[in-house]
């Protein structure tokens, strides 16, 4: 009971409150973290889309109806996509 009274007394006096200058630092830090997370998410999307495009290029002859798939691909664009992934 004494501890709770001391806690509420300290809370009432503002002992636990953040100073305004510190709050600005926290806001800037939060904005930086959000920016980093956004960059990671966008980079992950790029990585996922690129291999998907490569796979589509490899499987295109099967979908179109060409009986035989040449491996490695002879198409320069397909080779460039594979090197990027």
PDB file of N, CA and C in Angstrom:
ATOM      1  N   UNK A   1       0.827  -1.184   0.000  1.00  0.00           N
ATOM      2  CA  UNK A   1       0.000   0.000   0.000  1.00  0.00           C
ATOM      3  C   UNK A   1       0.872   1.249   0.000  1.00  0.00           C
ATOM      4  N   UNK A   2       1.953   1.206   0.786  1.00  0.00           N
ATOM      5  CA  UNK A   2       2.847   2.363   0.846  1.00  0.00           C
ATOM      6  C   UNK A   2       3.528   2.576  -0.499  1.00  0.00           C
ATOM      7  N   UNK A   3       3.875   1.465  -1.164  1.00  0.00           N
ATOM      8  CA  UNK A   3       4.507   1.581  -2.478  1.00  0.00           C
ATOM      9  C   UNK A   3       3.570   2.207  -3.507  1.00  0.00           C
ATOM     10  N   UNK A   4       2.299   1.825  -3.470  1.00  0.00           N
ATOM     11  CA  UNK A   4       1.357   2.395  -4.430  1.00  0.00           C
ATOM     12  C   UNK A   4       1.151   3.881  -4.164  1.00  0.00           C
ATOM     13  N   UNK A   5       1.154   4.286  -2.902  1.00  0.00           N
ATOM     14  CA  UNK A   5       1.022   5.720  -2.578  1.00  0.00           C
ATOM     15  C   UNK A   5       2.231   6.489  -3.090  1.00  0.00           C
ATOM     16  N   UNK A   6       3.413   5.919  -2.906  1.00  0.00           N
ATOM     17  CA  UNK A   6       4.628   6.580  -3.380  1.00  0.00           C
ATOM     18  C   UNK A   6       4.616   6.662  -4.904  1.00  0.00           C
ATOM     19  N   UNK A   7       4.150   5.595  -5.542  1.00  0.00           N
ATOM     20  CA  UNK A   7       4.084   5.588  -7.002  1.00  0.00           C
ATOM     21  C   UNK A   7       3.145   6.682  -7.504  1.00  0.00           C
ATOM     22  N   UNK A   8       1.937   6.747  -6.925  1.00  0.00           N
ATOM     23  CA  UNK A   8       0.979   7.755  -7.374  1.00  0.00           C
ATOM     24  C   UNK A   8       1.441   9.165  -7.036  1.00  0.00           C
ATOM     25  N   UNK A   9       2.151   9.299  -5.937  1.00  0.00           N
ATOM     26  CA  UNK A   9       2.707  10.606  -5.581  1.00  0.00           C
ATOM     27  C   UNK A   9       3.751  11.042  -6.609  1.00  0.00           C
ATOM     28  N   UNK A  10       4.624  10.108  -6.982  1.00  0.00           N
ATOM     29  CA  UNK A  10       5.635  10.415  -7.999  1.00  0.00           C
ATOM     30  C   UNK A  10       4.989  10.689  -9.357  1.00  0.00           C
ATOM     31  N   UNK A  11       3.955   9.920  -9.674  1.00  0.00           N
ATOM     32  CA  UNK A  11       3.254  10.110 -10.937  1.00  0.00           C
ATOM     33  C   UNK A  11       2.591  11.483 -10.986  1.00  0.00           C
ATOM     34  N   UNK A  12       1.983  11.859  -9.878  1.00  0.00           N
ATOM     35  CA  UNK A  12       1.298  13.150  -9.788  1.00  0.00           C
ATOM     36  C   UNK A  12       2.287  14.310  -9.891  1.00  0.00           C
ATOM     37  N   UNK A  13       3.450  14.152  -9.336  1.00  0.00           N
ATOM     38  CA  UNK A  13       4.445  15.227  -9.353  1.00  0.00           C
ATOM     39  C   UNK A  13       5.139  15.349 -10.708  1.00  0.00           C
ATOM     40  N   UNK A  14       4.923  14.382 -11.597  1.00  0.00           N
ATOM     41  CA  UNK A  14       5.527  14.454 -12.925  1.00  0.00           C
ATOM     42  C   UNK A  14       6.894  13.819 -12.996  1.00  0.00           C
ATOM     43  N   UNK A  15       7.244  13.029 -12.021  1.00  0.00           N
ATOM     44  CA  UNK A  15       8.560  12.408 -11.991  1.00  0.00           C
ATOM     45  C   UNK A  15       8.765  11.452 -13.170  1.00  0.00           C
ATOM     46  N   UNK A  16       7.681  10.822 -13.631  1.00  0.00           N
ATOM     47  CA  UNK A  16       7.787   9.849 -14.711  1.00  0.00           C
ATOM     48  C   UNK A  16       7.509  10.442 -16.092  1.00  0.00           C
ATOM     49  N   UNK A  17       7.198  11.708 -16.151  1.00  0.00           N
ATOM     50  CA  UNK A  17       6.848  12.292 -17.450  1.00  0.00           C
ATOM     51  C   UNK A  17       8.091  12.557 -18.281  1.00  0.00           C
ATOM     52  N   UNK A  18       7.928  12.500 -19.582  1.00  0.00           N
ATOM     53  CA  UNK A  18       9.020  12.796 -20.495  1.00  0.00           C
ATOM     54  C   UNK A  18       9.124  14.298 -20.682  1.00  0.00           C
ATOM     55  N   UNK A  19      10.330  14.740 -20.838  1.00  0.00           N
ATOM     56  CA  UNK A  19      10.516  16.139 -21.170  1.00  0.00           C
ATOM     57  C   UNK A  19      10.195  16.313 -22.646  1.00  0.00           C
ATOM     58  N   UNK A  20       9.783  17.502 -23.024  1.00  0.00           N
ATOM     59  CA  UNK A  20       9.388  17.769 -24.398  1.00  0.00           C
ATOM     60  C   UNK A  20      10.541  17.538 -25.366  1.00  0.00           C
ATOM     61  N   UNK A  21      11.757  17.905 -24.979  1.00  0.00           N
ATOM     62  CA  UNK A  21      12.902  17.714 -25.871  1.00  0.00           C
ATOM     63  C   UNK A  21      13.172  16.227 -26.103  1.00  0.00           C
ATOM     64  N   UNK A  22      12.983  15.421 -25.090  1.00  0.00           N
ATOM     65  CA  UNK A  22      13.191  13.980 -25.247  1.00  0.00           C
ATOM     66  C   UNK A  22      12.119  13.370 -26.143  1.00  0.00           C
ATOM     67  N   UNK A  23      10.907  13.898 -26.036  1.00  0.00           N
ATOM     68  CA  UNK A  23       9.813  13.391 -26.847  1.00  0.00           C
ATOM     69  C   UNK A  23      10.102  13.608 -28.329  1.00  0.00           C
ATOM     70  N   UNK A  24      10.714  14.731 -28.667  1.00  0.00           N
ATOM     71  CA  UNK A  24      11.075  15.024 -30.057  1.00  0.00           C
ATOM     72  C   UNK A  24      12.071  13.975 -30.562  1.00  0.00           C
ATOM     73  N   UNK A  25      13.042  13.603 -29.719  1.00  0.00           N
ATOM     74  CA  UNK A  25      14.012  12.573 -30.094  1.00  0.00           C
ATOM     75  C   UNK A  25      13.321  11.236 -30.356  1.00  0.00           C
ATOM     76  N   UNK A  26      12.338  10.893 -29.526  1.00  0.00           N
ATOM     77  CA  UNK A  26      11.612   9.638 -29.716  1.00  0.00           C
ATOM     78  C   UNK A  26      10.820   9.663 -31.021  1.00  0.00           C
ATOM     79  N   UNK A  27      10.224  10.811 -31.341  1.00  0.00           N
ATOM     80  CA  UNK A  27       9.475  10.928 -32.593  1.00  0.00           C
ATOM     81  C   UNK A  27      10.401  10.758 -33.795  1.00  0.00           C
ATOM     82  N   UNK A  28      11.578  11.370 -33.738  1.00  0.00           N
ATOM     83  CA  UNK A  28      12.540  11.241 -34.831  1.00  0.00           C
ATOM     84  C   UNK A  28      13.034   9.802 -34.957  1.00  0.00           C
ATOM     85  N   UNK A  29      13.275   9.160 -33.823  1.00  0.00           N
ATOM     86  CA  UNK A  29      13.715   7.758 -33.847  1.00  0.00           C
ATOM     87  C   UNK A  29      12.631   6.863 -34.439  1.00  0.00           C
ATOM     88  N   UNK A  30      11.389   7.105 -34.052  1.00  0.00           N
ATOM     89  CA  UNK A  30      10.279   6.308 -34.581  1.00  0.00           C
ATOM     90  C   UNK A  30      10.146   6.504 -36.087  1.00  0.00           C
ATOM     91  N   UNK A  31      10.304   7.735 -36.553  1.00  0.00           N
ATOM     92  CA  UNK A  31      10.225   8.005 -37.992  1.00  0.00           C
ATOM     93  C   UNK A  31      11.348   7.287 -38.739  1.00  0.00           C
ATOM     94  N   UNK A  32      12.534   7.260 -38.152  1.00  0.00           N
ATOM     95  CA  UNK A  32      13.662   6.566 -38.775  1.00  0.00           C
ATOM     96  C   UNK A  32      13.403   5.066 -38.856  1.00  0.00           C
ATOM     97  N   UNK A  33      12.893   4.492 -37.780  1.00  0.00           N
ATOM     98  CA  UNK A  33      12.594   3.055 -37.765  1.00  0.00           C
ATOM     99  C   UNK A  33      11.535   2.723 -38.815  1.00  0.00           C
ATOM    100  N   UNK A  34      10.506   3.556 -38.918  1.00  0.00           N
ATOM    101  CA  UNK A  34       9.456   3.322 -39.907  1.00  0.00           C
ATOM    102  C   UNK A  34      10.029   3.373 -41.318  1.00  0.00           C
ATOM    103  N   UNK A  35      10.922   4.322 -41.572  1.00  0.00           N
ATOM    104  CA  UNK A  35      11.550   4.431 -42.890  1.00  0.00           C
ATOM    105  C   UNK A  35      12.368   3.185 -43.211  1.00  0.00           C
ATOM    106  N   UNK A  36      13.123   2.700 -42.239  1.00  0.00           N
ATOM    107  CA  UNK A  36      13.941   1.496 -42.447  1.00  0.00           C
ATOM    108  C   UNK A  36      13.054   0.290 -42.743  1.00  0.00           C
ATOM    109  N   UNK A  37      11.994   0.124 -41.965  1.00  0.00           N
ATOM    110  CA  UNK A  37      11.080  -1.002 -42.175  1.00  0.00           C
ATOM    111  C   UNK A  37      10.441  -0.911 -43.562  1.00  0.00           C
ATOM    112  N   UNK A  38      10.049   0.295 -43.962  1.00  0.00           N
ATOM    113  CA  UNK A  38       9.452   0.489 -45.280  1.00  0.00           C
ATOM    114  C   UNK A  38      10.425   0.093 -46.391  1.00  0.00           C
ATOM    115  N   UNK A  39      11.692   0.475 -46.246  1.00  0.00           N
ATOM    116  CA  UNK A  39      12.711   0.112 -47.245  1.00  0.00           C
ATOM    117  C   UNK A  39      12.897  -1.400 -47.320  1.00  0.00           C
ATOM    118  N   UNK A  40      12.926  -2.059 -46.167  1.00  0.00           N
ATOM    119  CA  UNK A  40      13.099  -3.519 -46.142  1.00  0.00           C
ATOM    120  C   UNK A  40      11.915  -4.205 -46.818  1.00  0.00           C
ATOM    121  N   UNK A  41      10.702  -3.732 -46.526  1.00  0.00           N
ATOM    122  CA  UNK A  41       9.510  -4.332 -47.124  1.00  0.00           C
ATOM    123  C   UNK A  41       9.521  -4.150 -48.633  1.00  0.00           C
ATOM    124  N   UNK A  42       9.855  -2.949 -49.105  1.00  0.00           N
ATOM    125  CA  UNK A  42       9.889  -2.708 -50.552  1.00  0.00           C
ATOM    126  C   UNK A  42      10.969  -3.537 -51.228  1.00  0.00           C
ATOM    127  N   UNK A  43      12.137  -3.666 -50.604  1.00  0.00           N
ATOM    128  CA  UNK A  43      13.217  -4.469 -51.176  1.00  0.00           C
ATOM    129  C   UNK A  43      12.799  -5.936 -51.240  1.00  0.00           C
ATOM    130  N   UNK A  44      12.087  -6.400 -50.217  1.00  0.00           N
ATOM    131  CA  UNK A  44      11.607  -7.776 -50.197  1.00  0.00           C
ATOM    132  C   UNK A  44      10.630  -8.010 -51.345  1.00  0.00           C
ATOM    133  N   UNK A  45       9.753  -7.039 -51.602  1.00  0.00           N
ATOM    134  CA  UNK A  45       8.813  -7.169 -52.719  1.00  0.00           C
ATOM    135  C   UNK A  45       9.566  -7.282 -54.036  1.00  0.00           C
ATOM    136  N   UNK A  46      10.620  -6.467 -54.206  1.00  0.00           N
ATOM    137  CA  UNK A  46      11.416  -6.526 -55.432  1.00  0.00           C
ATOM    138  C   UNK A  46      12.040  -7.911 -55.592  1.00  0.00           C
ATOM    139  N   UNK A  47      12.582  -8.447 -54.505  1.00  0.00           N
ATOM    140  CA  UNK A  47      13.230  -9.758 -54.559  1.00  0.00           C
ATOM    141  C   UNK A  47      12.217 -10.843 -54.916  1.00  0.00           C
ATOM    142  N   UNK A  48      10.989 -10.718 -54.414  1.00  0.00           N
ATOM    143  CA  UNK A  48       9.970 -11.723 -54.692  1.00  0.00           C
ATOM    144  C   UNK A  48       9.502 -11.615 -56.140  1.00  0.00           C
ATOM    145  N   UNK A  49       9.299 -10.396 -56.635  1.00  0.00           N
ATOM    146  CA  UNK A  49       8.811 -10.218 -57.998  1.00  0.00           C
ATOM    147  C   UNK A  49       9.847 -10.658 -59.026  1.00  0.00           C
ATOM    148  N   UNK A  50      11.116 -10.391 -58.785  1.00  0.00           N
ATOM    149  CA  UNK A  50      12.155 -10.708 -59.763  1.00  0.00           C
ATOM    150  C   UNK A  50      12.265 -12.214 -60.026  1.00  0.00           C
ATOM    151  N   UNK A  51      12.407 -13.068 -59.002  1.00  0.00           N
ATOM    152  CA  UNK A  51      12.457 -14.507 -59.277  1.00  0.00           C
ATOM    153  C   UNK A  51      11.166 -15.028 -59.906  1.00  0.00           C
ATOM    154  N   UNK A  52      10.032 -14.407 -59.559  1.00  0.00           N
ATOM    155  CA  UNK A  52       8.773 -14.815 -60.172  1.00  0.00           C
ATOM    156  C   UNK A  52       8.810 -14.559 -61.670  1.00  0.00           C
ATOM    157  N   UNK A  53       9.338 -13.395 -62.064  1.00  0.00           N
ATOM    158  CA  UNK A  53       9.462 -13.082 -63.488  1.00  0.00           C
ATOM    159  C   UNK A  53      10.401 -14.061 -64.189  1.00  0.00           C
ATOM    160  N   UNK A  54      11.488 -14.421 -63.521  1.00  0.00           N
ATOM    161  CA  UNK A  54      12.432 -15.387 -64.101  1.00  0.00           C
ATOM    162  C   UNK A  54      11.737 -16.731 -64.303  1.00  0.00           C
ATOM    163  N   UNK A  55      10.998 -17.172 -63.295  1.00  0.00           N
ATOM    164  CA  UNK A  55      10.293 -18.449 -63.394  1.00  0.00           C
ATOM    165  C   UNK A  55       9.262 -18.417 -64.519  1.00  0.00           C
ATOM    166  N   UNK A  56       8.544 -17.305 -64.633  1.00  0.00           N
ATOM    167  CA  UNK A  56       7.576 -17.180 -65.729  1.00  0.00           C
ATOM    168  C   UNK A  56       8.276 -17.281 -67.083  1.00  0.00           C
ATOM    169  N   UNK A  57       9.443 -16.651 -67.204  1.00  0.00           N
ATOM    170  CA  UNK A  57      10.191 -16.714 -68.456  1.00  0.00           C
ATOM    171  C   UNK A  57      10.650 -18.118 -68.785  1.00  0.00           C
ATOM    172  N   UNK A  58      11.037 -18.863 -67.766  1.00  0.00           N
ATOM    173  CA  UNK A  58      11.493 -20.238 -67.985  1.00  0.00           C
ATOM    174  C   UNK A  58      10.320 -21.133 -68.386  1.00  0.00           C
ATOM    175  N   UNK A  59       9.165 -20.930 -67.755  1.00  0.00           N
ATOM    176  CA  UNK A  59       8.007 -21.786 -68.013  1.00  0.00           C
ATOM    177  C   UNK A  59       7.175 -21.351 -69.217  1.00  0.00           C
ATOM    178  N   UNK A  60       7.447 -20.173 -69.770  1.00  0.00           N
ATOM    179  CA  UNK A  60       6.667 -19.660 -70.898  1.00  0.00           C
ATOM    180  C   UNK A  60       6.580 -20.665 -72.060  1.00  0.00           C
ATOM    181  N   UNK A  61       7.672 -21.329 -72.464  1.00  0.00           N
ATOM    182  CA  UNK A  61       7.557 -22.290 -73.576  1.00  0.00           C
ATOM    183  C   UNK A  61       6.570 -23.421 -73.286  1.00  0.00           C
ATOM    184  N   UNK A  62       6.468 -23.839 -72.038  1.00  0.00           N
ATOM    185  CA  UNK A  62       5.534 -24.909 -71.686  1.00  0.00           C
ATOM    186  C   UNK A  62       4.103 -24.407 -71.813  1.00  0.00           C
ATOM    187  N   UNK A  63       3.872 -23.194 -71.342  1.00  0.00           N
ATOM    188  CA  UNK A  63       2.532 -22.621 -71.381  1.00  0.00           C
ATOM    189  C   UNK A  63       2.110 -22.346 -72.824  1.00  0.00           C
ATOM    190  N   UNK A  64       3.039 -21.835 -73.629  1.00  0.00           N
ATOM    191  CA  UNK A  64       2.739 -21.500 -75.021  1.00  0.00           C
ATOM    192  C   UNK A  64       2.535 -22.763 -75.851  1.00  0.00           C
ATOM    193  N   UNK A  65       3.171 -23.826 -75.486  1.00  0.00           N
ATOM    194  CA  UNK A  65       2.977 -25.076 -76.204  1.00  0.00           C
ATOM    195  C   UNK A  65       4.220 -25.603 -76.885  1.00  0.00           C
ATOM    196  N   UNK A  66       5.355 -24.994 -76.665  1.00  0.00           N
ATOM    197  CA  UNK A  66       6.602 -25.514 -77.220  1.00  0.00           C
ATOM    198  C   UNK A  66       6.916 -26.797 -76.466  1.00  0.00           C
ATOM    199  N   UNK A  67       7.237 -27.848 -77.189  1.00  0.00           N
ATOM    200  CA  UNK A  67       7.401 -29.151 -76.562  1.00  0.00           C
ATOM    201  C   UNK A  67       8.655 -29.268 -75.723  1.00  0.00           C
ATOM    202  N   UNK A  68       9.714 -28.640 -76.164  1.00  0.00           N
ATOM    203  CA  UNK A  68      10.997 -28.824 -75.500  1.00  0.00           C
ATOM    204  C   UNK A  68      11.489 -27.496 -74.929  1.00  0.00           C
ATOM    205  N   UNK A  69      12.026 -27.556 -73.724  1.00  0.00           N
ATOM    206  CA  UNK A  69      12.580 -26.361 -73.091  1.00  0.00           C
ATOM    207  C   UNK A  69      14.096 -26.462 -73.173  1.00  0.00           C
ATOM    208  N   UNK A  70      14.706 -25.437 -73.724  1.00  0.00           N
ATOM    209  CA  UNK A  70      16.177 -25.451 -73.792  1.00  0.00           C
ATOM    210  C   UNK A  70      16.745 -24.938 -72.472  1.00  0.00           C
ATOM    211  N   UNK A  71      17.709 -25.653 -71.974  1.00  0.00           N
ATOM    212  CA  UNK A  71      18.361 -25.232 -70.737  1.00  0.00           C
ATOM    213  C   UNK A  71      19.850 -25.300 -70.938  1.00  0.00           C
ATOM    214  N   UNK A  72      20.607 -24.335 -70.616  1.00  0.00           N
ATOM    215  CA  UNK A  72      20.206 -23.027 -70.085  1.00  0.00           C
ATOM    216  C   UNK A  72      19.514 -22.203 -71.163  1.00  0.00           C
ATOM    217  N   UNK A  73      18.740 -21.227 -70.739  1.00  0.00           N
ATOM    218  CA  UNK A  73      18.006 -20.403 -71.705  1.00  0.00           C
ATOM    219  C   UNK A  73      18.962 -19.710 -72.675  1.00  0.00           C
ATOM    220  N   UNK A  74      18.565 -19.616 -73.907  1.00  0.00           N
ATOM    221  CA  UNK A  74      19.389 -18.968 -74.927  1.00  0.00           C
ATOM    222  C   UNK A  74      18.955 -17.523 -75.154  1.00  0.00           C
ATOM    223  N   UNK A  75      17.789 -17.193 -74.642  1.00  0.00           N
ATOM    224  CA  UNK A  75      17.269 -15.834 -74.785  1.00  0.00           C
ATOM    225  C   UNK A  75      18.086 -14.884 -73.913  1.00  0.00           C
ATOM    226  N   UNK A  76      18.709 -13.847 -74.486  1.00  0.00           N
ATOM    227  CA  UNK A  76      19.547 -12.931 -73.698  1.00  0.00           C
ATOM    228  C   UNK A  76      18.782 -12.244 -72.565  1.00  0.00           C
ATOM    229  N   UNK A  77      17.511 -11.952 -72.797  1.00  0.00           N
ATOM    230  CA  UNK A  77      16.722 -11.297 -71.745  1.00  0.00           C
ATOM    231  C   UNK A  77      16.517 -12.237 -70.554  1.00  0.00           C
ATOM    232  N   UNK A  78      16.256 -13.502 -70.822  1.00  0.00           N
ATOM    233  CA  UNK A  78      16.085 -14.487 -69.748  1.00  0.00           C
ATOM    234  C   UNK A  78      17.382 -14.659 -68.964  1.00  0.00           C
ATOM    235  N   UNK A  79      18.501 -14.650 -69.668  1.00  0.00           N
ATOM    236  CA  UNK A  79      19.802 -14.771 -68.989  1.00  0.00           C
ATOM    237  C   UNK A  79      20.049 -13.557 -68.101  1.00  0.00           C
ATOM    238  N   UNK A  80      19.727 -12.362 -68.589  1.00  0.00           N
ATOM    239  CA  UNK A  80      19.889 -11.150 -67.773  1.00  0.00           C
ATOM    240  C   UNK A  80      19.021 -11.204 -66.530  1.00  0.00           C
ATOM    241  N   UNK A  81      17.785 -11.682 -66.666  1.00  0.00           N
ATOM    242  CA  UNK A  81      16.904 -11.786 -65.506  1.00  0.00           C
ATOM    243  C   UNK A  81      17.453 -12.773 -64.490  1.00  0.00           C
ATOM    244  N   UNK A  82      18.001 -13.885 -64.958  1.00  0.00           N
ATOM    245  CA  UNK A  82      18.577 -14.871 -64.042  1.00  0.00           C
ATOM    246  C   UNK A  82      19.775 -14.295 -63.301  1.00  0.00           C
ATOM    247  N   UNK A  83      20.607 -13.531 -63.999  1.00  0.00           N
ATOM    248  CA  UNK A  83      21.785 -12.946 -63.355  1.00  0.00           C
ATOM    249  C   UNK A  83      21.387 -11.911 -62.314  1.00  0.00           C
ATOM    250  N   UNK A  84      20.312 -11.170 -62.557  1.00  0.00           N
ATOM    251  CA  UNK A  84      19.846 -10.166 -61.598  1.00  0.00           C
ATOM    252  C   UNK A  84      19.311 -10.817 -60.337  1.00  0.00           C
ATOM    253  N   UNK A  85      18.646 -11.966 -60.475  1.00  0.00           N
ATOM    254  CA  UNK A  85      18.058 -12.634 -59.318  1.00  0.00           C
ATOM    255  C   UNK A  85      19.155 -13.270 -58.528  1.00  0.00           C
TER     256      UNK A  85
END
